[in-house]
Amino acid sequence: MYAIIRTGGKQYQVAAGDTLRVEKLRGEIGDTIEINDVLLVADGEAVKVGQPLIDGAKVIAKIADQGKAKKILVFKKKKRKGYQVKNGHRQQFTALTIEEIAA
């Protein structure tokens, strides 16, 4: 059984027991959260597709980690103008462990 969920402006395919990193969510490590933006649930041959969401479906997950990703460098330059800017960015994330898919 798997589901496709939407969080942080992105879509993820999840199954029970999966661990995934999503955009930062509020909560502490060990907290349980419900994701109600379920777009699709597939259980063997039975597939439910929402229009755009499935009513009553939810994914229950536990927050495994809160952190920052590796630093990426953002470098801008204009040739022959003497303009260059170098910045770094570390995106915050929440690691979730999927516990249950309730359709």
PDB file of N, CA and C in Angstrom:
ATOM      1  N   MET A   1       0.848  -1.178   0.000  1.00  0.00           N
ATOM      2  CA  MET A   1       0.000   0.000   0.000  1.00  0.00           C
ATOM      3  C   MET A   1       0.890   1.237   0.000  1.00  0.00           C
ATOM      4  N   TYR A   2       0.552   2.193  -0.854  1.00  0.00           N
ATOM      5  CA  TYR A   2       1.277   3.453  -0.869  1.00  0.00           C
ATOM      6  C   TYR A   2       0.313   4.599  -1.128  1.00  0.00           C
ATOM      7  N   ALA A   3       0.802   5.807  -0.875  1.00  0.00           N
ATOM      8  CA  ALA A   3      -0.004   7.005  -1.083  1.00  0.00           C
ATOM      9  C   ALA A   3       0.877   8.089  -1.673  1.00  0.00           C
ATOM     10  N   ILE A   4       0.240   9.037  -2.336  1.00  0.00           N
ATOM     11  CA  ILE A   4       0.937  10.232  -2.801  1.00  0.00           C
ATOM     12  C   ILE A   4       0.379  11.404  -2.006  1.00  0.00           C
ATOM     13  N   ILE A   5       1.289  12.093  -1.305  1.00  0.00           N
ATOM     14  CA  ILE A   5       0.892  13.202  -0.442  1.00  0.00           C
ATOM     15  C   ILE A   5       1.492  14.498  -0.966  1.00  0.00           C
ATOM     16  N   ARG A   6       0.918  15.620  -0.501  1.00  0.00           N
ATOM     17  CA  ARG A   6       1.418  16.936  -0.877  1.00  0.00           C
ATOM     18  C   ARG A   6       1.743  17.700   0.399  1.00  0.00           C
ATOM     19  N   THR A   7       2.997  18.169   0.500  1.00  0.00           N
ATOM     20  CA  THR A   7       3.407  18.994   1.621  1.00  0.00           C
ATOM     21  C   THR A   7       4.569  19.872   1.176  1.00  0.00           C
ATOM     22  N   GLY A   8       4.552  21.102   1.616  1.00  0.00           N
ATOM     23  CA  GLY A   8       5.626  22.020   1.272  1.00  0.00           C
ATOM     24  C   GLY A   8       5.697  22.352  -0.203  1.00  0.00           C
ATOM     25  N   GLY A   9       4.564  22.252  -0.916  1.00  0.00           N
ATOM     26  CA  GLY A   9       4.548  22.570  -2.333  1.00  0.00           C
ATOM     27  C   GLY A   9       5.097  21.477  -3.221  1.00  0.00           C
ATOM     28  N   LYS A  10       5.364  20.307  -2.657  1.00  0.00           N
ATOM     29  CA  LYS A  10       5.895  19.185  -3.421  1.00  0.00           C
ATOM     30  C   LYS A  10       5.042  17.951  -3.173  1.00  0.00           C
ATOM     31  N   GLN A  11       5.174  16.950  -4.044  1.00  0.00           N
ATOM     32  CA  GLN A  11       4.442  15.696  -3.892  1.00  0.00           C
ATOM     33  C   GLN A  11       5.428  14.567  -3.641  1.00  0.00           C
ATOM     34  N   TYR A  12       5.036  13.642  -2.754  1.00  0.00           N
ATOM     35  CA  TYR A  12       5.892  12.528  -2.372  1.00  0.00           C
ATOM     36  C   TYR A  12       5.086  11.235  -2.412  1.00  0.00           C
ATOM     37  N   GLN A  13       5.728  10.147  -2.859  1.00  0.00           N
ATOM     38  CA  GLN A  13       5.126   8.822  -2.778  1.00  0.00           C
ATOM     39  C   GLN A  13       5.646   8.178  -1.502  1.00  0.00           C
ATOM     40  N   VAL A  14       4.732   7.743  -0.631  1.00  0.00           N
ATOM     41  CA  VAL A  14       5.121   7.191   0.665  1.00  0.00           C
ATOM     42  C   VAL A  14       4.426   5.855   0.906  1.00  0.00           C
ATOM     43  N   ALA A  15       5.063   5.036   1.703  1.00  0.00           N
ATOM     44  CA  ALA A  15       4.497   3.774   2.171  1.00  0.00           C
ATOM     45  C   ALA A  15       4.814   3.680   3.660  1.00  0.00           C
ATOM     46  N   ALA A  16       4.120   2.802   4.364  1.00  0.00           N
ATOM     47  CA  ALA A  16       4.346   2.638   5.802  1.00  0.00           C
ATOM     48  C   ALA A  16       5.784   2.204   6.034  1.00  0.00           C
ATOM     49  N   GLY A  17       6.449   2.872   6.983  1.00  0.00           N
ATOM     50  CA  GLY A  17       7.832   2.549   7.304  1.00  0.00           C
ATOM     51  C   GLY A  17       8.860   3.403   6.571  1.00  0.00           C
ATOM     52  N   ASP A  18       8.442   4.173   5.576  1.00  0.00           N
ATOM     53  CA  ASP A  18       9.366   5.032   4.825  1.00  0.00           C
ATOM     54  C   ASP A  18       9.828   6.202   5.686  1.00  0.00           C
ATOM     55  N   THR A  19      11.041   6.680   5.377  1.00  0.00           N
ATOM     56  CA  THR A  19      11.555   7.899   5.971  1.00  0.00           C
ATOM     57  C   THR A  19      11.851   8.868   4.836  1.00  0.00           C
ATOM     58  N   LEU A  20      11.381  10.105   4.958  1.00  0.00           N
ATOM     59  CA  LEU A  20      11.633  11.081   3.913  1.00  0.00           C
ATOM     60  C   LEU A  20      11.849  12.456   4.513  1.00  0.00           C
ATOM     61  N   ARG A  21      12.560  13.291   3.756  1.00  0.00           N
ATOM     62  CA  ARG A  21      12.804  14.673   4.161  1.00  0.00           C
ATOM     63  C   ARG A  21      11.850  15.583   3.406  1.00  0.00           C
ATOM     64  N   VAL A  22      11.151  16.424   4.155  1.00  0.00           N
ATOM     65  CA  VAL A  22      10.229  17.384   3.558  1.00  0.00           C
ATOM     66  C   VAL A  22      10.622  18.783   4.028  1.00  0.00           C
ATOM     67  N   GLU A  23       9.971  19.794   3.465  1.00  0.00           N
ATOM     68  CA  GLU A  23      10.213  21.159   3.913  1.00  0.00           C
ATOM     69  C   GLU A  23       9.848  21.272   5.387  1.00  0.00           C
ATOM     70  N   LYS A  24      10.457  22.217   6.077  1.00  0.00           N
ATOM     71  CA  LYS A  24      10.312  22.374   7.526  1.00  0.00           C
ATOM     72  C   LYS A  24       8.848  22.421   7.961  1.00  0.00           C
ATOM     73  N   LEU A  25       8.509  21.578   8.953  1.00  0.00           N
ATOM     74  CA  LEU A  25       7.187  21.559   9.581  1.00  0.00           C
ATOM     75  C   LEU A  25       7.352  21.874  11.061  1.00  0.00           C
ATOM     76  N   ARG A  26       6.327  22.464  11.646  1.00  0.00           N
ATOM     77  CA  ARG A  26       6.369  22.757  13.071  1.00  0.00           C
ATOM     78  C   ARG A  26       6.253  21.468  13.871  1.00  0.00           C
ATOM     79  N   GLY A  27       6.941  21.435  15.003  1.00  0.00           N
ATOM     80  CA  GLY A  27       6.860  20.290  15.891  1.00  0.00           C
ATOM     81  C   GLY A  27       8.225  19.895  16.406  1.00  0.00           C
ATOM     82  N   GLU A  28       8.213  19.080  17.436  1.00  0.00           N
ATOM     83  CA  GLU A  28       9.441  18.589  18.049  1.00  0.00           C
ATOM     84  C   GLU A  28       9.698  17.157  17.606  1.00  0.00           C
ATOM     85  N   ILE A  29      10.928  16.706  17.790  1.00  0.00           N
ATOM     86  CA  ILE A  29      11.281  15.328  17.461  1.00  0.00           C
ATOM     87  C   ILE A  29      10.437  14.391  18.336  1.00  0.00           C
ATOM     88  N   GLY A  30       9.806  13.406  17.705  1.00  0.00           N
ATOM     89  CA  GLY A  30       8.953  12.468  18.413  1.00  0.00           C
ATOM     90  C   GLY A  30       7.472  12.799  18.323  1.00  0.00           C
ATOM     91  N   ASP A  31       7.126  14.009  17.897  1.00  0.00           N
ATOM     92  CA  ASP A  31       5.719  14.387  17.738  1.00  0.00           C
ATOM     93  C   ASP A  31       5.093  13.625  16.574  1.00  0.00           C
ATOM     94  N   THR A  32       3.792  13.354  16.676  1.00  0.00           N
ATOM     95  CA  THR A  32       3.043  12.704  15.605  1.00  0.00           C
ATOM     96  C   THR A  32       2.226  13.762  14.880  1.00  0.00           C
ATOM     97  N   ILE A  33       2.280  13.723  13.537  1.00  0.00           N
ATOM     98  CA  ILE A  33       1.520  14.678  12.744  1.00  0.00           C
ATOM     99  C   ILE A  33       0.646  13.926  11.753  1.00  0.00           C
ATOM    100  N   GLU A  34      -0.423  14.583  11.330  1.00  0.00           N
ATOM    101  CA  GLU A  34      -1.314  14.033  10.307  1.00  0.00           C
ATOM    102  C   GLU A  34      -1.199  14.886   9.060  1.00  0.00           C
ATOM    103  N   ILE A  35      -1.031  14.230   7.931  1.00  0.00           N
ATOM    104  CA  ILE A  35      -1.006  14.915   6.651  1.00  0.00           C
ATOM    105  C   ILE A  35      -2.318  14.581   5.950  1.00  0.00           C
ATOM    106  N   ASN A  36      -3.152  15.603   5.741  1.00  0.00           N
ATOM    107  CA  ASN A  36      -4.474  15.393   5.156  1.00  0.00           C
ATOM    108  C   ASN A  36      -4.515  15.637   3.652  1.00  0.00           C
ATOM    109  N   ASP A  37      -3.441  16.165   3.089  1.00  0.00           N
ATOM    110  CA  ASP A  37      -3.380  16.401   1.642  1.00  0.00           C
ATOM    111  C   ASP A  37      -2.947  15.117   0.939  1.00  0.00           C
ATOM    112  N   VAL A  38      -3.865  14.175   0.822  1.00  0.00           N
ATOM    113  CA  VAL A  38      -3.593  12.886   0.176  1.00  0.00           C
ATOM    114  C   VAL A  38      -4.219  12.928  -1.221  1.00  0.00           C
ATOM    115  N   LEU A  39      -3.391  12.768  -2.238  1.00  0.00           N
ATOM    116  CA  LEU A  39      -3.847  12.874  -3.619  1.00  0.00           C
ATOM    117  C   LEU A  39      -4.229  11.528  -4.214  1.00  0.00           C
ATOM    118  N   LEU A  40      -3.584  10.444  -3.743  1.00  0.00           N
ATOM    119  CA  LEU A  40      -3.828   9.113  -4.302  1.00  0.00           C
ATOM    120  C   LEU A  40      -3.505   8.075  -3.246  1.00  0.00           C
ATOM    121  N   VAL A  41      -4.299   7.011  -3.196  1.00  0.00           N
ATOM    122  CA  VAL A  41      -4.024   5.864  -2.335  1.00  0.00           C
ATOM    123  C   VAL A  41      -4.155   4.607  -3.188  1.00  0.00           C
ATOM    124  N   ALA A  42      -3.128   3.775  -3.175  1.00  0.00           N
ATOM    125  CA  ALA A  42      -3.141   2.530  -3.944  1.00  0.00           C
ATOM    126  C   ALA A  42      -2.915   1.368  -2.985  1.00  0.00           C
ATOM    127  N   ASP A  43      -3.824   0.394  -3.038  1.00  0.00           N
ATOM    128  CA  ASP A  43      -3.713  -0.810  -2.211  1.00  0.00           C
ATOM    129  C   ASP A  43      -3.884  -2.005  -3.139  1.00  0.00           C
ATOM    130  N   GLY A  44      -2.775  -2.501  -3.667  1.00  0.00           N
ATOM    131  CA  GLY A  44      -2.845  -3.591  -4.636  1.00  0.00           C
ATOM    132  C   GLY A  44      -3.486  -3.111  -5.923  1.00  0.00           C
ATOM    133  N   GLU A  45      -4.604  -3.724  -6.298  1.00  0.00           N
ATOM    134  CA  GLU A  45      -5.314  -3.339  -7.518  1.00  0.00           C
ATOM    135  C   GLU A  45      -6.268  -2.163  -7.293  1.00  0.00           C
ATOM    136  N   ALA A  46      -6.636  -1.912  -6.032  1.00  0.00           N
ATOM    137  CA  ALA A  46      -7.571  -0.824  -5.729  1.00  0.00           C
ATOM    138  C   ALA A  46      -6.818   0.501  -5.660  1.00  0.00           C
ATOM    139  N   VAL A  47      -7.191   1.426  -6.529  1.00  0.00           N
ATOM    140  CA  VAL A  47      -6.549   2.737  -6.571  1.00  0.00           C
ATOM    141  C   VAL A  47      -7.625   3.808  -6.430  1.00  0.00           C
ATOM    142  N   LYS A  48      -7.426   4.706  -5.450  1.00  0.00           N
ATOM    143  CA  LYS A  48      -8.336   5.842  -5.267  1.00  0.00           C
ATOM    144  C   LYS A  48      -7.581   7.100  -5.653  1.00  0.00           C
ATOM    145  N   VAL A  49      -8.174   7.870  -6.565  1.00  0.00           N
ATOM    146  CA  VAL A  49      -7.571   9.117  -7.008  1.00  0.00           C
ATOM    147  C   VAL A  49      -8.489  10.255  -6.590  1.00  0.00           C
ATOM    148  N   GLY A  50      -7.920  11.273  -5.956  1.00  0.00           N
ATOM    149  CA  GLY A  50      -8.711  12.406  -5.495  1.00  0.00           C
ATOM    150  C   GLY A  50      -8.935  13.434  -6.582  1.00  0.00           C
ATOM    151  N   GLN A  51      -9.879  14.341  -6.327  1.00  0.00           N
ATOM    152  CA  GLN A  51     -10.209  15.395  -7.284  1.00  0.00           C
ATOM    153  C   GLN A  51     -10.214  16.751  -6.585  1.00  0.00           C
ATOM    154  N   PRO A  52      -9.178  17.347  -6.092  1.00  0.00           N
ATOM    155  CA  PRO A  52      -7.798  16.881  -6.110  1.00  0.00           C
ATOM    156  C   PRO A  52      -7.412  16.041  -4.898  1.00  0.00           C
ATOM    157  N   LEU A  53      -8.191  16.087  -3.792  1.00  0.00           N
ATOM    158  CA  LEU A  53      -7.850  15.332  -2.586  1.00  0.00           C
ATOM    159  C   LEU A  53      -8.862  14.224  -2.333  1.00  0.00           C
ATOM    160  N   ILE A  54      -8.445  13.219  -1.585  1.00  0.00           N
ATOM    161  CA  ILE A  54      -9.341  12.131  -1.192  1.00  0.00           C
ATOM    162  C   ILE A  54      -9.950  12.507   0.160  1.00  0.00           C
ATOM    163  N   ASP A  55     -11.278  12.531   0.226  1.00  0.00           N
ATOM    164  CA  ASP A  55     -11.964  12.891   1.471  1.00  0.00           C
ATOM    165  C   ASP A  55     -11.736  11.814   2.527  1.00  0.00           C
ATOM    166  N   GLY A  56     -11.349  12.245   3.724  1.00  0.00           N
ATOM    167  CA  GLY A  56     -11.189  11.333   4.847  1.00  0.00           C
ATOM    168  C   GLY A  56      -9.878  10.579   4.874  1.00  0.00           C
ATOM    169  N   ALA A  57      -9.067  10.699   3.855  1.00  0.00           N
ATOM    170  CA  ALA A  57      -7.781   9.989   3.840  1.00  0.00           C
ATOM    171  C   ALA A  57      -6.731  10.822   4.560  1.00  0.00           C
ATOM    172  N   LYS A  58      -5.840  10.144   5.273  1.00  0.00           N
ATOM    173  CA  LYS A  58      -4.763  10.852   5.959  1.00  0.00           C
ATOM    174  C   LYS A  58      -3.569   9.925   6.122  1.00  0.00           C
ATOM    175  N   VAL A  59      -2.422  10.537   6.262  1.00  0.00           N
ATOM    176  CA  VAL A  59      -1.182   9.809   6.493  1.00  0.00           C
ATOM    177  C   VAL A  59      -0.668  10.259   7.852  1.00  0.00           C
ATOM    178  N   ILE A  60      -0.383   9.296   8.710  1.00  0.00           N
ATOM    179  CA  ILE A  60       0.121   9.589  10.050  1.00  0.00           C
ATOM    180  C   ILE A  60       1.625   9.341  10.045  1.00  0.00           C
ATOM    181  N   ALA A  61       2.367  10.367  10.486  1.00  0.00           N
ATOM    182  CA  ALA A  61       3.829  10.290  10.480  1.00  0.00           C
ATOM    183  C   ALA A  61       4.383  10.805  11.799  1.00  0.00           C
ATOM    184  N   LYS A  62       5.602  10.378  12.104  1.00  0.00           N
ATOM    185  CA  LYS A  62       6.283  10.819  13.309  1.00  0.00           C
ATOM    186  C   LYS A  62       7.510  11.620  12.881  1.00  0.00           C
ATOM    187  N   ILE A  63       7.769  12.733  13.571  1.00  0.00           N
ATOM    188  CA  ILE A  63       8.935  13.554  13.252  1.00  0.00           C
ATOM    189  C   ILE A  63      10.178  12.853  13.795  1.00  0.00           C
ATOM    190  N   ALA A  64      11.086  12.490  12.876  1.00  0.00           N
ATOM    191  CA  ALA A  64      12.308  11.789  13.259  1.00  0.00           C
ATOM    192  C   ALA A  64      13.464  12.753  13.478  1.00  0.00           C
ATOM    193  N   ASP A  65      13.469  13.894  12.762  1.00  0.00           N
ATOM    194  CA  ASP A  65      14.596  14.816  12.857  1.00  0.00           C
ATOM    195  C   ASP A  65      14.180  16.191  12.348  1.00  0.00           C
ATOM    196  N   GLN A  66      14.788  17.217  12.894  1.00  0.00           N
ATOM    197  CA  GLN A  66      14.671  18.590  12.404  1.00  0.00           C
ATOM    198  C   GLN A  66      16.094  19.062  12.158  1.00  0.00           C
ATOM    199  N   GLY A  67      16.373  19.608  10.990  1.00  0.00           N
ATOM    200  CA  GLY A  67      17.746  20.022  10.747  1.00  0.00           C
ATOM    201  C   GLY A  67      17.886  20.906   9.540  1.00  0.00           C
ATOM    202  N   LYS A  68      19.144  21.063   9.121  1.00  0.00           N
ATOM    203  CA  LYS A  68      19.469  21.850   7.944  1.00  0.00           C
ATOM    204  C   LYS A  68      20.224  20.964   6.962  1.00  0.00           C
ATOM    205  N   ALA A  69      19.953  21.161   5.679  1.00  0.00           N
ATOM    206  CA  ALA A  69      20.629  20.396   4.633  1.00  0.00           C
ATOM    207  C   ALA A  69      22.038  20.947   4.440  1.00  0.00           C
ATOM    208  N   LYS A  70      22.789  20.298   3.556  1.00  0.00           N
ATOM    209  CA  LYS A  70      24.130  20.766   3.244  1.00  0.00           C
ATOM    210  C   LYS A  70      24.068  22.149   2.606  1.00  0.00           C
ATOM    211  N   LYS A  71      25.148  22.915   2.780  1.00  0.00           N
ATOM    212  CA  LYS A  71      25.195  24.262   2.225  1.00  0.00           C
ATOM    213  C   LYS A  71      25.361  24.207   0.707  1.00  0.00           C
ATOM    214  N   ILE A  72      24.582  25.057   0.022  1.00  0.00           N
ATOM    215  CA  ILE A  72      24.775  25.229  -1.410  1.00  0.00           C
ATOM    216  C   ILE A  72      25.293  26.644  -1.621  1.00  0.00           C
ATOM    217  N   LEU A  73      26.129  26.828  -2.628  1.00  0.00           N
ATOM    218  CA  LEU A  73      26.667  28.140  -2.934  1.00  0.00           C
ATOM    219  C   LEU A  73      25.869  28.772  -4.056  1.00  0.00           C
ATOM    220  N   VAL A  74      25.555  30.048  -3.877  1.00  0.00           N
ATOM    221  CA  VAL A  74      24.846  30.822  -4.895  1.00  0.00           C
ATOM    222  C   VAL A  74      25.823  31.912  -5.335  1.00  0.00           C
ATOM    223  N   PHE A  75      26.254  31.854  -6.598  1.00  0.00           N
ATOM    224  CA  PHE A  75      27.243  32.804  -7.106  1.00  0.00           C
ATOM    225  C   PHE A  75      26.663  33.541  -8.293  1.00  0.00           C
ATOM    226  N   LYS A  76      26.685  34.870  -8.225  1.00  0.00           N
ATOM    227  CA  LYS A  76      26.178  35.704  -9.307  1.00  0.00           C
ATOM    228  C   LYS A  76      27.322  36.561  -9.829  1.00  0.00           C
ATOM    229  N   LYS A  77      27.347  36.757 -11.142  1.00  0.00           N
ATOM    230  CA  LYS A  77      28.417  37.553 -11.738  1.00  0.00           C
ATOM    231  C   LYS A  77      27.939  38.190 -13.029  1.00  0.00           C
ATOM    232  N   LYS A  78      28.354  39.419 -13.258  1.00  0.00           N
ATOM    233  CA  LYS A  78      28.119  40.108 -14.529  1.00  0.00           C
ATOM    234  C   LYS A  78      29.484  40.298 -15.178  1.00  0.00           C
ATOM    235  N   LYS A  79      29.633  39.791 -16.369  1.00  0.00           N
ATOM    236  CA  LYS A  79      30.939  39.906 -17.015  1.00  0.00           C
ATOM    237  C   LYS A  79      31.248  41.365 -17.368  1.00  0.00           C
ATOM    238  N   ARG A  80      32.492  41.722 -17.220  1.00  0.00           N
ATOM    239  CA  ARG A  80      33.052  43.043 -17.554  1.00  0.00           C
ATOM    240  C   ARG A  80      32.463  44.185 -16.729  1.00  0.00           C
ATOM    241  N   LYS A  81      31.739  43.930 -15.680  1.00  0.00           N
ATOM    242  CA  LYS A  81      31.141  44.999 -14.870  1.00  0.00           C
ATOM    243  C   LYS A  81      31.707  45.049 -13.454  1.00  0.00           C
ATOM    244  N   GLY A  82      32.502  44.085 -13.077  1.00  0.00           N
ATOM    245  CA  GLY A  82      33.074  44.059 -11.737  1.00  0.00           C
ATOM    246  C   GLY A  82      32.082  43.659 -10.660  1.00  0.00           C
ATOM    247  N   TYR A  83      30.963  43.046 -11.060  1.00  0.00           N
ATOM    248  CA  TYR A  83      29.924  42.659 -10.104  1.00  0.00           C
ATOM    249  C   TYR A  83      29.989  41.161  -9.861  1.00  0.00           C
ATOM    250  N   GLN A  84      30.175  40.789  -8.615  1.00  0.00           N
ATOM    251  CA  GLN A  84      30.047  39.390  -8.254  1.00  0.00           C
ATOM    252  C   GLN A  84      29.630  39.282  -6.794  1.00  0.00           C
ATOM    253  N   VAL A  85      28.723  38.336  -6.529  1.00  0.00           N
ATOM    254  CA  VAL A  85      28.187  38.098  -5.192  1.00  0.00           C
ATOM    255  C   VAL A  85      28.221  36.612  -4.924  1.00  0.00           C
ATOM    256  N   LYS A  86      28.722  36.241  -3.756  1.00  0.00           N
ATOM    257  CA  LYS A  86      28.766  34.837  -3.367  1.00  0.00           C
ATOM    258  C   LYS A  86      28.006  34.682  -2.055  1.00  0.00           C
ATOM    259  N   ASN A  87      26.956  33.865  -2.093  1.00  0.00           N
ATOM    260  CA  ASN A  87      26.143  33.599  -0.903  1.00  0.00           C
ATOM    261  C   ASN A  87      26.046  32.096  -0.691  1.00  0.00           C
ATOM    262  N   GLY A  88      25.788  31.716   0.557  1.00  0.00           N
ATOM    263  CA  GLY A  88      25.528  30.322   0.882  1.00  0.00           C
ATOM    264  C   GLY A  88      24.123  30.196   1.434  1.00  0.00           C
ATOM    265  N   HIS A  89      23.539  28.999   1.296  1.00  0.00           N
ATOM    266  CA  HIS A  89      22.190  28.775   1.802  1.00  0.00           C
ATOM    267  C   HIS A  89      22.084  27.347   2.332  1.00  0.00           C
ATOM    268  N   ARG A  90      21.481  27.202   3.516  1.00  0.00           N
ATOM    269  CA  ARG A  90      21.196  25.880   4.087  1.00  0.00           C
ATOM    270  C   ARG A  90      19.695  25.791   4.321  1.00  0.00           C
ATOM    271  N   GLN A  91      19.030  24.919   3.561  1.00  0.00           N
ATOM    272  CA  GLN A  91      17.583  24.770   3.650  1.00  0.00           C
ATOM    273  C   GLN A  91      17.210  23.949   4.875  1.00  0.00           C
ATOM    274  N   GLN A  92      16.207  24.403   5.620  1.00  0.00           N
ATOM    275  CA  GLN A  92      15.733  23.648   6.768  1.00  0.00           C
ATOM    276  C   GLN A  92      14.818  22.523   6.303  1.00  0.00           C
ATOM    277  N   PHE A  93      14.877  21.382   7.009  1.00  0.00           N
ATOM    278  CA  PHE A  93      14.051  20.238   6.648  1.00  0.00           C
ATOM    279  C   PHE A  93      13.504  19.559   7.892  1.00  0.00           C
ATOM    280  N   THR A  94      12.496  18.726   7.671  1.00  0.00           N
ATOM    281  CA  THR A  94      11.950  17.847   8.698  1.00  0.00           C
ATOM    282  C   THR A  94      11.980  16.434   8.136  1.00  0.00           C
ATOM    283  N   ALA A  95      12.577  15.516   8.868  1.00  0.00           N
ATOM    284  CA  ALA A  95      12.590  14.110   8.459  1.00  0.00           C
ATOM    285  C   ALA A  95      11.393  13.421   9.108  1.00  0.00           C
ATOM    286  N   LEU A  96      10.570  12.759   8.282  1.00  0.00           N
ATOM    287  CA  LEU A  96       9.367  12.083   8.759  1.00  0.00           C
ATOM    288  C   LEU A  96       9.501  10.587   8.584  1.00  0.00           C
ATOM    289  N   THR A  97       8.985   9.833   9.534  1.00  0.00           N
ATOM    290  CA  THR A  97       8.850   8.394   9.422  1.00  0.00           C
ATOM    291  C   THR A  97       7.363   8.093   9.303  1.00  0.00           C
ATOM    292  N   ILE A  98       6.956   7.490   8.186  1.00  0.00           N
ATOM    293  CA  ILE A  98       5.545   7.224   7.926  1.00  0.00           C
ATOM    294  C   ILE A  98       5.130   6.008   8.755  1.00  0.00           C
ATOM    295  N   GLU A  99       4.079   6.181   9.546  1.00  0.00           N
ATOM    296  CA  GLU A  99       3.600   5.102  10.408  1.00  0.00           C
ATOM    297  C   GLU A  99       2.383   4.400   9.850  1.00  0.00           C
ATOM    298  N   GLU A 100       1.457   5.164   9.258  1.00  0.00           N
ATOM    299  CA  GLU A 100       0.193   4.555   8.821  1.00  0.00           C
ATOM    300  C   GLU A 100      -0.429   5.379   7.699  1.00  0.00           C
ATOM    301  N   ILE A 101      -1.081   4.679   6.787  1.00  0.00           N
ATOM    302  CA  ILE A 101      -1.855   5.321   5.734  1.00  0.00           C
ATOM    303  C   ILE A 101      -3.312   4.918   5.962  1.00  0.00           C
ATOM    304  N   ALA A 102      -4.148   5.901   6.292  1.00  0.00           N
ATOM    305  CA  ALA A 102      -5.553   5.628   6.568  1.00  0.00           C
ATOM    306  C   ALA A 102      -6.393   6.163   5.401  1.00  0.00           C
ATOM    307  N   ALA A 103      -7.026   5.252   4.672  1.00  0.00           N
ATOM    308  CA  ALA A 103      -7.860   5.672   3.548  1.00  0.00           C
ATOM    309  C   ALA A 103      -9.261   5.654   4.036  1.00  0.00           C
TER     310      ALA A 103
END
